[in-house]
């Protein structure tokens, strides 16, 4: 009996056995202690009225403590898509609603009810509970685990989602507007313009600076393709620059040699969660009268000399793709600016060229953010700093544990620039000895999943293929880089296990 996660819903009678200290109290209390400790216990919202009614009738003095007790569990919404043909729906509708809740959560229901156990494939007895826990014990360390994060905030999101559905205002409504205000406030920026993806943010930013066909835009050669894609879609020409050997961001010492009369802008990418050297970039941009568009799609909350990433150049672009440090439940992005004129252009561009309906003052597109994503981002923004803090803590552990292997020249650890904080969207090492694929497969065999960001330089992709390229730093690093598991879903024990496995690969004691 396996589910994708160890999640358990308590049947109403199990909860009452515990609260009223009756029947199966002793065995149930051990289960509840486990669920509270591991934060994987749930209660169906359909059970609440029965719980409150029974406690009021038989143990009234407990009522004032009930909210605190139930607060140790997540209350999960009972779905409304009832299958009246289900046998449990005919026998006991209350049990069926709990079963239905478990289905929506992909969880087990702990119950002593023989009828429930017989008619539901989700039901397990208290005696079976610890057997199932052991069977489902997760030893796998995922590279990314969005379910854990999203389930944590789901019950807080329901009021927003219900409001959006009942009002049927789905695009650029009150939640998008509130998120724009809150995110701008968080970044200490003047304007935030919500759009439907990070790629759209880059395109809108380039449209706002009036990029024309044939204009050149300087970008780093090792980044996600969207940075170059946005330039090329508008008819511009991406001009690639090698990267810094330690920080993987654009090499500012090689910027000026790429500037021509056709150069319109520079797009520094704050790669992996660390800022590029913005002082040098802004100085060069001012000298040649160029725009600077910060690609901060991986740097939510990172700071450059006390200023938030995305607020230093003329426009900052963010992606809220689900796996980002601040991720939506789909696609979303934003443009940040302190310039009134650019802000006005951006608001128009995202909405077919005008602020009002059927008002088309400039050439624009449909880059609008949906209300669902605005609401999700509004809720998640409150956790961004704490999630980033956790990432930094885990990165520090990686640094400490893996430093001896770097000293033996087996791997290279990510370096922090003195001018920037690092929010570790990714923790990227280089494998200097042995085969990278062998290293990745070894970890995978030990249930540790990694990734490569990015396996090809942009000049090695078909759309941007260059002959006789000369990017020695990027070409060398792209052969060796591996992204280790990173994110707030991980524990310190997980990092220890990853590092121990890496030591085993290199045949060293940890």
Protein backbone atom coordinates (compact mmCIF):
# COMPACT_ATOMS: atom_id res chain seq x y z
CA UNK A 1 0.00 0.00 0.00
CA UNK A 2 2.00 2.95 -1.24
CA UNK A 3 1.18 6.58 -1.81
CA UNK A 4 3.50 9.16 -3.33
CA UNK A 5 3.89 10.70 0.13
CA UNK A 6 3.36 9.72 3.74
CA UNK A 7 0.12 11.62 4.36
CA UNK A 8 -2.60 10.47 6.73
CA UNK A 9 -6.14 11.63 7.46
CA UNK A 10 -7.60 10.83 10.86
CA UNK A 11 -11.09 9.40 10.83
CA UNK A 12 -13.45 11.33 13.09
CA UNK A 13 -13.71 8.45 15.59
CA UNK A 14 -9.92 8.19 15.86
CA UNK A 15 -9.76 11.89 16.77
CA UNK A 16 -12.55 11.51 19.30
CA UNK A 17 -10.88 8.45 20.88
CA UNK A 18 -7.87 10.68 21.49
CA UNK A 19 -9.75 13.77 22.66
CA UNK A 20 -12.14 11.91 24.95
CA UNK A 21 -9.48 9.38 26.11
CA UNK A 22 -11.68 6.45 25.25
CA UNK A 23 -11.43 3.06 23.51
CA UNK A 24 -8.22 3.03 21.47
CA UNK A 25 -6.69 6.02 23.25
CA UNK A 26 -3.26 4.51 23.97
CA UNK A 27 -2.55 3.20 20.46
CA UNK A 28 -4.11 6.28 18.85
CA UNK A 29 -2.02 8.66 20.98
CA UNK A 30 1.19 7.11 19.60
CA UNK A 31 -0.06 7.64 16.05
CA UNK A 32 -1.02 11.24 16.75
CA UNK A 33 2.35 11.90 18.39
CA UNK A 34 4.05 10.61 15.23
CA UNK A 35 1.86 12.71 12.91
CA UNK A 36 2.42 15.90 14.90
CA UNK A 37 6.17 15.33 14.96
CA UNK A 38 6.36 14.66 11.21
CA UNK A 39 3.74 17.25 10.25
CA UNK A 40 1.91 14.87 7.96
CA UNK A 41 -1.46 14.54 9.73
CA UNK A 42 -4.68 15.86 8.20
CA UNK A 43 -8.32 16.21 9.16
CA UNK A 44 -11.15 16.36 6.65
CA UNK A 45 -13.15 19.57 6.92
CA UNK A 46 -16.31 17.39 6.84
CA UNK A 47 -15.34 15.98 10.26
CA UNK A 48 -15.19 19.29 12.13
CA UNK A 49 -18.88 19.65 13.02
CA UNK A 50 -19.00 16.11 14.49
CA UNK A 51 -15.81 16.72 16.48
CA UNK A 52 -17.07 19.99 17.96
CA UNK A 53 -20.55 18.61 18.68
CA UNK A 54 -19.21 15.49 20.45
CA UNK A 55 -16.61 17.38 22.52
CA UNK A 56 -19.24 19.94 23.55
CA UNK A 57 -21.54 17.13 24.67
CA UNK A 58 -19.07 14.88 26.51
CA UNK A 59 -16.06 17.01 27.47
CA UNK A 60 -17.12 20.63 27.34
CA UNK A 61 -14.10 21.92 29.28
CA UNK A 62 -11.90 20.82 26.36
CA UNK A 63 -13.65 23.17 23.91
CA UNK A 64 -11.42 26.17 24.55
CA UNK A 65 -8.31 24.08 23.79
CA UNK A 66 -9.77 22.42 20.70
CA UNK A 67 -8.58 25.01 18.12
CA UNK A 68 -5.01 24.67 19.41
CA UNK A 69 -5.17 20.85 19.35
CA UNK A 70 -6.62 20.74 15.84
CA UNK A 71 -4.02 23.31 14.79
CA UNK A 72 -1.38 20.58 14.91
CA UNK A 73 -3.02 19.12 11.81
CA UNK A 74 -3.88 20.53 8.42
CA UNK A 75 -7.58 20.84 7.74
CA UNK A 76 -8.09 19.60 4.20
CA UNK A 77 -11.04 20.76 2.14
CA UNK A 78 -13.67 18.13 1.34
CA UNK A 79 -14.23 17.97 -2.43
CA UNK A 80 -17.64 18.53 -3.96
CA UNK A 81 -17.29 16.00 -6.81
CA UNK A 82 -19.27 13.20 -5.17
CA UNK A 83 -19.67 9.80 -6.81
CA UNK A 84 -23.02 8.61 -5.54
CA UNK A 85 -22.36 5.14 -6.98
CA UNK A 86 -19.45 4.53 -4.61
CA UNK A 87 -20.50 1.80 -2.10
CA UNK A 88 -19.33 3.86 0.87
CA UNK A 89 -21.55 6.77 -0.19
CA UNK A 90 -24.57 4.47 0.19
CA UNK A 91 -23.51 3.04 3.54
CA UNK A 92 -22.14 6.10 5.37
CA UNK A 93 -21.92 9.52 3.70
CA UNK A 94 -19.69 10.93 6.46
CA UNK A 95 -17.13 8.17 5.95
CA UNK A 96 -17.37 8.63 2.19
CA UNK A 97 -16.58 12.37 2.47
CA UNK A 98 -13.47 11.50 4.46
CA UNK A 99 -12.54 8.91 1.84
CA UNK A 100 -13.06 11.52 -0.88
CA UNK A 101 -10.82 13.96 0.98
CA UNK A 102 -8.12 11.29 1.17
CA UNK A 103 -8.37 10.68 -2.58
CA UNK A 104 -7.88 14.37 -3.34
CA UNK A 105 -4.80 14.43 -1.08
CA UNK A 106 -3.48 10.99 -2.13
CA UNK A 107 -3.45 9.99 1.53
CA UNK A 108 -4.48 7.13 3.80
CA UNK A 109 -7.36 7.30 6.29
CA UNK A 110 -6.65 5.85 9.74
CA UNK A 111 -9.83 4.26 11.08
CA UNK A 112 -11.13 1.46 13.29
CA UNK A 113 -14.45 1.30 11.45
CA UNK A 114 -14.78 -2.17 9.88
CA UNK A 115 -17.23 -0.92 7.26
CA UNK A 116 -14.84 1.90 6.30
CA UNK A 117 -11.90 -0.52 6.13
CA UNK A 118 -13.85 -2.88 3.90
CA UNK A 119 -15.30 -0.37 1.44
CA UNK A 120 -12.42 2.11 1.07
CA UNK A 121 -9.09 1.39 -0.59
CA UNK A 122 -7.74 4.40 1.33
CA UNK A 123 -8.53 3.09 4.81
CA UNK A 124 -6.00 1.45 7.14
CA UNK A 125 -6.31 0.32 10.75
CA UNK A 126 -4.21 1.77 13.60
CA UNK A 127 -2.38 -1.57 13.73
CA UNK A 128 -1.50 -1.24 10.05
CA UNK A 129 -0.35 2.38 10.39
CA UNK A 130 3.28 1.88 11.41
CA UNK A 131 3.69 -0.93 8.89
CA UNK A 132 2.60 1.47 6.13
CA UNK A 133 4.87 4.21 7.50
CA UNK A 134 7.88 1.90 7.24
CA UNK A 135 6.87 0.69 3.79
CA UNK A 136 6.51 4.27 2.52
CA UNK A 137 9.58 5.67 4.26
CA UNK A 138 11.22 8.03 1.78
CA UNK A 139 14.95 7.57 1.38
CA UNK A 140 14.97 9.40 -1.94
CA UNK A 141 16.41 12.90 -2.01
CA UNK A 142 14.62 14.77 -4.74
CA UNK A 143 16.30 17.58 -6.62
CA UNK A 144 13.09 19.56 -6.17
CA UNK A 145 9.91 18.86 -4.18
CA UNK A 146 7.14 21.37 -4.90
CA UNK A 147 4.38 19.24 -3.38
CA UNK A 148 5.70 19.67 0.14
CA UNK A 149 5.80 23.46 -0.18
CA UNK A 150 2.46 23.78 -1.95
CA UNK A 151 0.58 21.49 0.40
CA UNK A 152 1.84 23.60 3.29
CA UNK A 153 0.06 26.70 2.02
CA UNK A 154 -2.89 25.10 0.23
CA UNK A 155 -5.42 25.57 3.02
CA UNK A 156 -4.37 29.23 3.28
CA UNK A 157 -4.88 29.62 -0.47
CA UNK A 158 -8.44 28.32 -0.53
CA UNK A 159 -10.04 31.63 0.39
CA UNK A 160 -8.23 33.32 -2.52
CA UNK A 161 -9.09 30.59 -5.02
CA UNK A 162 -12.75 30.48 -3.95
CA UNK A 163 -12.94 34.27 -4.24
CA UNK A 164 -11.49 34.23 -7.77
CA UNK A 165 -13.85 31.51 -8.95
CA UNK A 166 -16.98 33.06 -7.45
CA UNK A 167 -16.13 36.56 -8.71
CA UNK A 168 -14.93 35.18 -12.08
CA UNK A 169 -12.37 37.99 -12.34
CA UNK A 170 -9.49 35.94 -13.69
CA UNK A 171 -6.95 38.37 -15.19
CA UNK A 172 -5.04 41.33 -13.69
CA UNK A 173 -7.53 41.84 -10.88
CA UNK A 174 -7.18 42.77 -7.24
CA UNK A 175 -4.75 39.97 -6.32
CA UNK A 176 -2.38 40.74 -9.18
CA UNK A 177 -2.48 44.42 -8.23
CA UNK A 178 -1.85 43.65 -4.55
CA UNK A 179 1.04 41.35 -5.43
CA UNK A 180 2.55 44.02 -7.67
CA UNK A 181 2.38 46.50 -4.79
CA UNK A 182 3.81 44.06 -2.24
CA UNK A 183 6.61 42.81 -4.48
CA UNK A 184 7.62 46.37 -5.40
CA UNK A 185 7.61 47.22 -1.69
CA UNK A 186 9.71 44.12 -0.91
CA UNK A 187 12.26 45.11 -3.56
CA UNK A 188 12.11 48.80 -2.59
CA UNK A 189 11.23 49.57 -6.21
CA UNK A 190 8.76 52.07 -7.61
CA UNK A 191 6.89 49.85 -10.08
CA UNK A 192 6.15 46.16 -10.52
CA UNK A 193 4.30 45.10 -13.68
CA UNK A 194 3.02 41.53 -13.44
CA UNK A 195 3.18 39.45 -16.63
CA UNK A 196 2.50 35.85 -17.62
CA UNK A 197 6.08 34.47 -17.62
CA UNK A 198 9.72 35.38 -17.20
CA UNK A 199 10.20 35.14 -20.96
CA UNK A 200 7.35 37.61 -21.47
CA UNK A 201 8.99 39.91 -18.93
CA UNK A 202 12.19 39.94 -21.02
CA UNK A 203 10.31 40.53 -24.27
CA UNK A 204 8.19 43.31 -22.73
CA UNK A 205 11.34 44.95 -21.30
CA UNK A 206 13.03 44.92 -24.71
CA UNK A 207 9.89 46.31 -26.33
CA UNK A 208 9.81 49.06 -23.69
CA UNK A 209 13.33 50.20 -24.63
CA UNK A 210 12.21 50.16 -28.28
CA UNK A 211 14.51 47.39 -29.50
CA UNK A 212 14.57 47.36 -33.31
CA UNK A 213 15.53 44.60 -35.78
CA UNK A 214 19.30 44.55 -36.10
CA UNK A 215 19.94 46.04 -32.67
CA UNK A 216 22.50 44.14 -30.62
CA UNK A 217 22.06 43.05 -27.01
CA UNK A 218 24.98 41.71 -24.97
CA UNK A 219 24.27 38.65 -22.81
CA UNK A 220 26.31 35.88 -21.11
CA UNK A 221 26.90 32.76 -23.18
CA UNK A 222 25.87 30.36 -20.39
CA UNK A 223 22.28 30.94 -19.33
CA UNK A 224 18.77 29.67 -20.07
CA UNK A 225 17.80 30.18 -23.71
CA UNK A 226 14.95 32.61 -22.88
CA UNK A 227 17.43 35.46 -22.42
CA UNK A 228 18.66 35.19 -26.01
CA UNK A 229 15.27 34.09 -27.31
CA UNK A 230 13.60 37.32 -26.20
CA UNK A 231 16.16 39.35 -28.16
CA UNK A 232 15.91 37.24 -31.31
CA UNK A 233 12.09 37.13 -31.35
CA UNK A 234 12.07 40.91 -31.72
CA UNK A 235 14.63 40.81 -34.51
CA UNK A 236 17.58 41.78 -32.33
CA UNK A 237 20.93 40.04 -32.30
CA UNK A 238 22.28 38.46 -29.10
CA UNK A 239 25.98 39.12 -28.65
CA UNK A 240 27.52 36.57 -26.32
CA UNK A 241 30.19 37.12 -23.66
CA UNK A 242 32.17 34.59 -21.64
CA UNK A 243 31.50 34.12 -17.92
CA UNK A 244 33.40 34.79 -14.71
CA UNK A 245 35.38 31.65 -13.72
CA UNK A 246 34.13 31.66 -10.13
CA UNK A 247 30.68 33.28 -10.19
CA UNK A 248 29.31 32.05 -13.58
CA UNK A 249 27.86 35.52 -14.26
CA UNK A 250 28.88 37.68 -17.24
CA UNK A 251 32.60 38.56 -17.36
CA UNK A 252 32.52 42.34 -17.05
CA UNK A 253 36.15 42.63 -18.19
CA UNK A 254 35.09 41.39 -21.64
CA UNK A 255 32.02 43.58 -22.08
CA UNK A 256 33.48 46.62 -23.80
CA UNK A 257 35.16 44.63 -26.56
CA UNK A 258 31.70 43.43 -27.66
CA UNK A 259 30.14 46.90 -27.92
CA UNK A 260 29.49 48.31 -31.41
CA UNK A 261 27.42 51.13 -32.88
CA UNK A 262 24.49 48.70 -33.05
CA UNK A 263 24.57 47.84 -29.33
CA UNK A 264 21.31 48.78 -27.63
CA UNK A 265 21.43 47.05 -24.26
CA UNK A 266 23.18 44.71 -21.85
CA UNK A 267 21.30 41.88 -20.13
CA UNK A 268 23.34 40.63 -17.16
CA UNK A 269 21.94 37.38 -15.77
CA UNK A 270 22.05 36.92 -11.99
CA UNK A 271 22.72 33.23 -12.49
CA UNK A 272 21.99 30.54 -9.91
CA UNK A 273 20.94 33.19 -7.35
CA UNK A 274 23.94 35.55 -7.29
CA UNK A 275 24.16 39.04 -8.80
CA UNK A 276 26.47 40.03 -11.62
CA UNK A 277 28.89 42.91 -10.96
CA UNK A 278 26.35 45.68 -11.51
CA UNK A 279 28.59 48.68 -10.73
CA UNK A 280 30.90 47.85 -13.64
CA UNK A 281 27.98 47.08 -15.90
CA UNK A 282 26.14 50.32 -15.11
CA UNK A 283 29.34 52.33 -15.57
CA UNK A 284 29.93 50.80 -19.02
CA UNK A 285 26.26 51.29 -19.94
CA UNK A 286 26.42 54.96 -18.99
CA UNK A 287 29.62 55.45 -20.98
CA UNK A 288 28.05 54.06 -24.18
CA UNK A 289 24.47 55.22 -23.51
CA UNK A 290 23.06 51.67 -23.25
CA UNK A 291 20.07 50.23 -21.43
CA UNK A 292 20.58 47.60 -18.74
CA UNK A 293 17.91 44.93 -18.30
CA UNK A 294 18.60 42.67 -15.34
CA UNK A 295 17.62 39.04 -15.82
CA UNK A 296 16.84 38.31 -12.16
CA UNK A 297 14.77 35.22 -12.94
CA UNK A 298 16.90 33.12 -10.56
CA UNK A 299 17.66 35.77 -7.95
CA UNK A 300 14.50 36.53 -5.97
CA UNK A 301 15.66 38.32 -2.82
CA UNK A 302 19.37 38.42 -3.70
CA UNK A 303 21.14 41.72 -2.96
CA UNK A 304 23.90 43.67 -4.66
CA UNK A 305 25.59 46.00 -2.15
CA UNK A 306 22.33 46.34 -0.22
CA UNK A 307 20.08 46.76 -3.25
CA UNK A 308 17.74 44.00 -4.32
CA UNK A 309 18.45 42.21 -7.60
CA UNK A 310 16.27 43.61 -10.37
CA UNK A 311 16.25 47.19 -9.07
CA UNK A 312 19.65 48.44 -10.23
CA UNK A 313 19.32 48.51 -14.02
CA UNK A 314 16.69 50.30 -16.06
CA UNK A 315 14.35 47.27 -15.89
CA UNK A 316 14.54 44.05 -13.87
CA UNK A 317 12.89 40.84 -15.09
CA UNK A 318 11.64 38.01 -12.86
CA UNK A 319 10.29 34.57 -13.60
CA UNK A 320 7.90 32.90 -11.14
CA UNK A 321 8.06 29.49 -12.76
CA UNK A 322 7.03 26.88 -10.11
CA UNK A 323 10.59 25.79 -9.29
CA UNK A 324 11.91 29.30 -8.59
CA UNK A 325 12.68 30.58 -5.08
CA UNK A 326 9.36 32.42 -5.42
CA UNK A 327 7.28 30.18 -7.65
CA UNK A 328 3.71 30.35 -8.90
CA UNK A 329 1.34 27.46 -9.59
CA UNK A 330 1.91 27.77 -13.31
CA UNK A 331 3.58 30.47 -15.39
CA UNK A 332 4.09 34.07 -14.25
CA UNK A 333 6.68 36.84 -14.31
CA UNK A 334 7.23 40.53 -13.60
CA UNK A 335 9.08 43.61 -14.80
CA UNK A 336 10.53 45.97 -12.18
CA UNK A 337 11.50 49.60 -12.81
CA UNK A 338 11.98 52.92 -11.07
CA UNK A 339 11.46 54.85 -14.31
CA UNK A 340 8.00 56.40 -14.77
CA UNK A 341 8.17 56.42 -18.56
CA UNK A 342 9.33 52.80 -18.84
CA UNK A 343 6.65 51.74 -16.35
CA UNK A 344 3.91 53.37 -18.40
CA UNK A 345 5.18 51.61 -21.52
CA UNK A 346 5.32 48.26 -19.72
CA UNK A 347 1.74 48.55 -18.43
CA UNK A 348 0.59 49.23 -22.00
CA UNK A 349 2.74 46.57 -23.65
CA UNK A 350 1.45 43.77 -21.41
CA UNK A 351 -2.16 44.69 -22.33
CA UNK A 352 -2.15 44.92 -26.15
CA UNK A 353 -0.69 48.43 -26.10
CA UNK A 354 -3.10 50.23 -23.79
CA UNK A 355 -4.15 50.61 -20.16
CA UNK A 356 -7.88 50.54 -20.95
CA UNK A 357 -9.83 48.08 -23.06
CA UNK A 358 -9.77 48.83 -26.80
CA UNK A 359 -7.17 51.53 -26.21
CA UNK A 360 -4.05 50.68 -28.26
CA UNK A 361 -1.44 53.43 -28.04
CA UNK A 362 1.64 51.31 -28.76
CA UNK A 363 2.37 47.89 -30.18
CA UNK A 364 1.87 45.42 -27.36
CA UNK A 365 0.85 41.83 -26.70
CA UNK A 366 -1.07 39.68 -24.25
CA UNK A 367 1.40 39.37 -21.39
CA UNK A 368 -1.15 39.70 -18.56
CA UNK A 369 -0.81 37.82 -15.27
CA UNK A 370 -3.77 35.72 -14.13
CA UNK A 371 -5.45 36.21 -10.76
CA UNK A 372 -4.64 32.65 -9.68
CA UNK A 373 -0.93 33.32 -9.99
CA UNK A 374 -1.22 36.76 -8.38
CA UNK A 375 -2.93 35.18 -5.37
CA UNK A 376 -0.40 32.35 -5.05
CA UNK A 377 2.54 34.75 -5.29
CA UNK A 378 0.95 37.13 -2.80
CA UNK A 379 0.75 34.30 -0.26
CA UNK A 380 4.18 32.84 -1.02
CA UNK A 381 5.95 36.22 -0.88
CA UNK A 382 5.53 36.16 2.91
CA UNK A 383 7.73 33.05 3.06
CA UNK A 384 10.42 34.10 0.56
CA UNK A 385 12.95 35.39 3.09
CA UNK A 386 12.59 32.36 5.37
CA UNK A 387 12.90 29.98 2.40
CA UNK A 388 16.00 31.84 1.19
CA UNK A 389 17.44 31.70 4.70
CA UNK A 390 16.98 27.91 4.67
CA UNK A 391 18.70 27.68 1.28
CA UNK A 392 21.69 29.65 2.59
CA UNK A 393 21.92 27.42 5.65
CA UNK A 394 21.94 24.28 3.51
CA UNK A 395 24.51 25.82 1.15
CA UNK A 396 26.77 26.54 4.11
CA UNK A 397 26.55 22.87 5.11
CA UNK A 398 27.48 21.80 1.59
CA UNK A 399 30.45 24.19 1.75
CA UNK A 400 31.70 22.82 5.06
CA UNK A 401 31.18 19.14 4.22
CA UNK A 402 32.59 19.29 0.69
CA UNK A 403 35.51 21.67 1.24
CA UNK A 404 38.04 18.82 1.81
CA UNK A 405 37.14 17.38 -1.61
CA UNK A 406 37.73 20.78 -3.21
CA UNK A 407 41.11 20.99 -1.50
CA UNK A 408 41.96 17.65 -3.14
CA UNK A 409 40.99 19.18 -6.50
CA UNK A 410 38.20 16.65 -7.02
CA UNK A 411 35.37 19.19 -7.21
CA UNK A 412 34.92 22.94 -7.36
CA UNK A 413 32.40 24.60 -5.03
CA UNK A 414 30.35 27.70 -5.90
CA UNK A 415 31.98 30.95 -4.81
CA UNK A 416 30.29 33.98 -3.28
CA UNK A 417 31.14 37.39 -4.70
CA UNK A 418 31.95 40.04 -2.09
CA UNK A 419 29.48 42.45 -3.69
CA UNK A 420 26.48 40.11 -3.70
CA UNK A 421 24.47 37.87 -1.44
CA UNK A 422 23.54 34.45 -2.81
CA UNK A 423 20.05 32.99 -2.51
CA UNK A 424 21.06 29.60 -4.00
CA UNK A 425 18.31 29.02 -6.48
CA UNK A 426 20.82 26.37 -7.49
CA UNK A 427 23.87 24.93 -5.76
CA UNK A 428 26.24 24.15 -8.64
CA UNK A 429 29.53 22.32 -8.28
CA UNK A 430 32.05 21.21 -10.90
CA UNK A 431 33.20 17.61 -11.04
CA UNK A 432 36.92 17.93 -11.83
CA UNK A 433 37.95 14.28 -11.52
CA UNK A 434 36.13 11.29 -12.91
CA UNK A 435 33.28 11.32 -15.43
CA UNK A 436 30.37 13.68 -14.80
CA UNK A 437 27.78 11.21 -16.12
CA UNK A 438 29.26 8.48 -13.95
CA UNK A 439 29.07 10.84 -10.95
CA UNK A 440 25.43 11.69 -11.67
CA UNK A 441 24.47 8.04 -12.18
CA UNK A 442 26.23 7.00 -8.99
CA UNK A 443 24.18 9.49 -6.98
CA UNK A 444 21.02 8.43 -8.80
CA UNK A 445 21.63 4.77 -7.90
CA UNK A 446 21.75 5.96 -4.30
CA UNK A 447 18.38 7.74 -4.71
CA UNK A 448 19.90 11.23 -4.97
CA UNK A 449 18.76 13.25 -7.96
CA UNK A 450 20.80 16.00 -9.59
CA UNK A 451 20.52 18.19 -12.70
CA UNK A 452 22.70 20.13 -15.16
CA UNK A 453 22.10 23.88 -15.62
CA UNK A 454 22.88 24.22 -18.49
CA UNK A 455 24.25 21.34 -20.61
CA UNK A 456 24.95 23.50 -23.68
CA UNK A 457 26.24 27.00 -24.23
CA UNK A 458 23.80 29.13 -26.19
CA UNK A 459 26.25 29.25 -29.12
CA UNK A 460 26.01 25.45 -29.28
CA UNK A 461 22.22 25.44 -29.72
CA UNK A 462 20.73 25.43 -33.23
CA UNK A 463 19.08 28.89 -33.08
CA UNK A 464 22.32 30.61 -31.99
CA UNK A 465 24.98 28.39 -33.50
CA UNK A 466 28.36 30.10 -33.93
CA UNK A 467 31.46 28.82 -35.69
CA UNK A 468 34.96 29.37 -34.30
CA UNK A 469 33.61 30.45 -30.93
CA UNK A 470 35.95 31.53 -28.16
CA UNK A 471 34.42 31.24 -24.71
CA UNK A 472 37.08 29.24 -22.84
CA UNK A 473 35.74 29.66 -19.30
CA UNK A 474 32.15 28.74 -20.18
CA UNK A 475 33.23 25.89 -22.46
CA UNK A 476 35.30 24.38 -19.67
CA UNK A 477 32.71 24.76 -16.92
CA UNK A 478 29.75 23.49 -18.97
CA UNK A 479 31.51 20.11 -19.24
CA UNK A 480 31.80 19.78 -15.47
CA UNK A 481 28.84 21.52 -13.78
CA UNK A 482 26.29 19.58 -11.72
CA UNK A 483 23.43 21.05 -9.70
CA UNK A 484 23.04 19.27 -6.35
CA UNK A 485 19.67 19.02 -4.55
CA UNK A 486 18.75 22.42 -3.10
CA UNK A 487 15.61 23.88 -1.60
CA UNK A 488 13.62 24.35 1.59
CA UNK A 489 12.20 20.82 1.21
CA UNK A 490 15.57 19.41 2.30
CA UNK A 491 16.79 18.75 5.82
CA UNK A 492 20.29 18.92 7.25
CA UNK A 493 20.29 15.10 7.28
CA UNK A 494 19.57 15.14 3.54
CA UNK A 495 22.60 17.33 2.89
CA UNK A 496 24.72 15.01 5.05
CA UNK A 497 23.53 12.01 3.01
CA UNK A 498 24.29 13.74 -0.32
CA UNK A 499 27.79 14.67 0.83
CA UNK A 500 28.50 11.22 2.22
CA UNK A 501 27.50 9.72 -1.11
CA UNK A 502 29.84 12.12 -2.95
CA UNK A 503 32.71 11.11 -0.65
CA UNK A 504 31.93 7.44 -1.38
CA UNK A 505 32.06 8.13 -5.11
CA UNK A 506 35.58 9.51 -4.75
CA UNK A 507 36.54 6.67 -2.34
CA UNK A 508 37.16 8.92 0.64
CA UNK A 509 35.89 8.58 4.20
CA UNK A 510 33.40 11.21 5.24
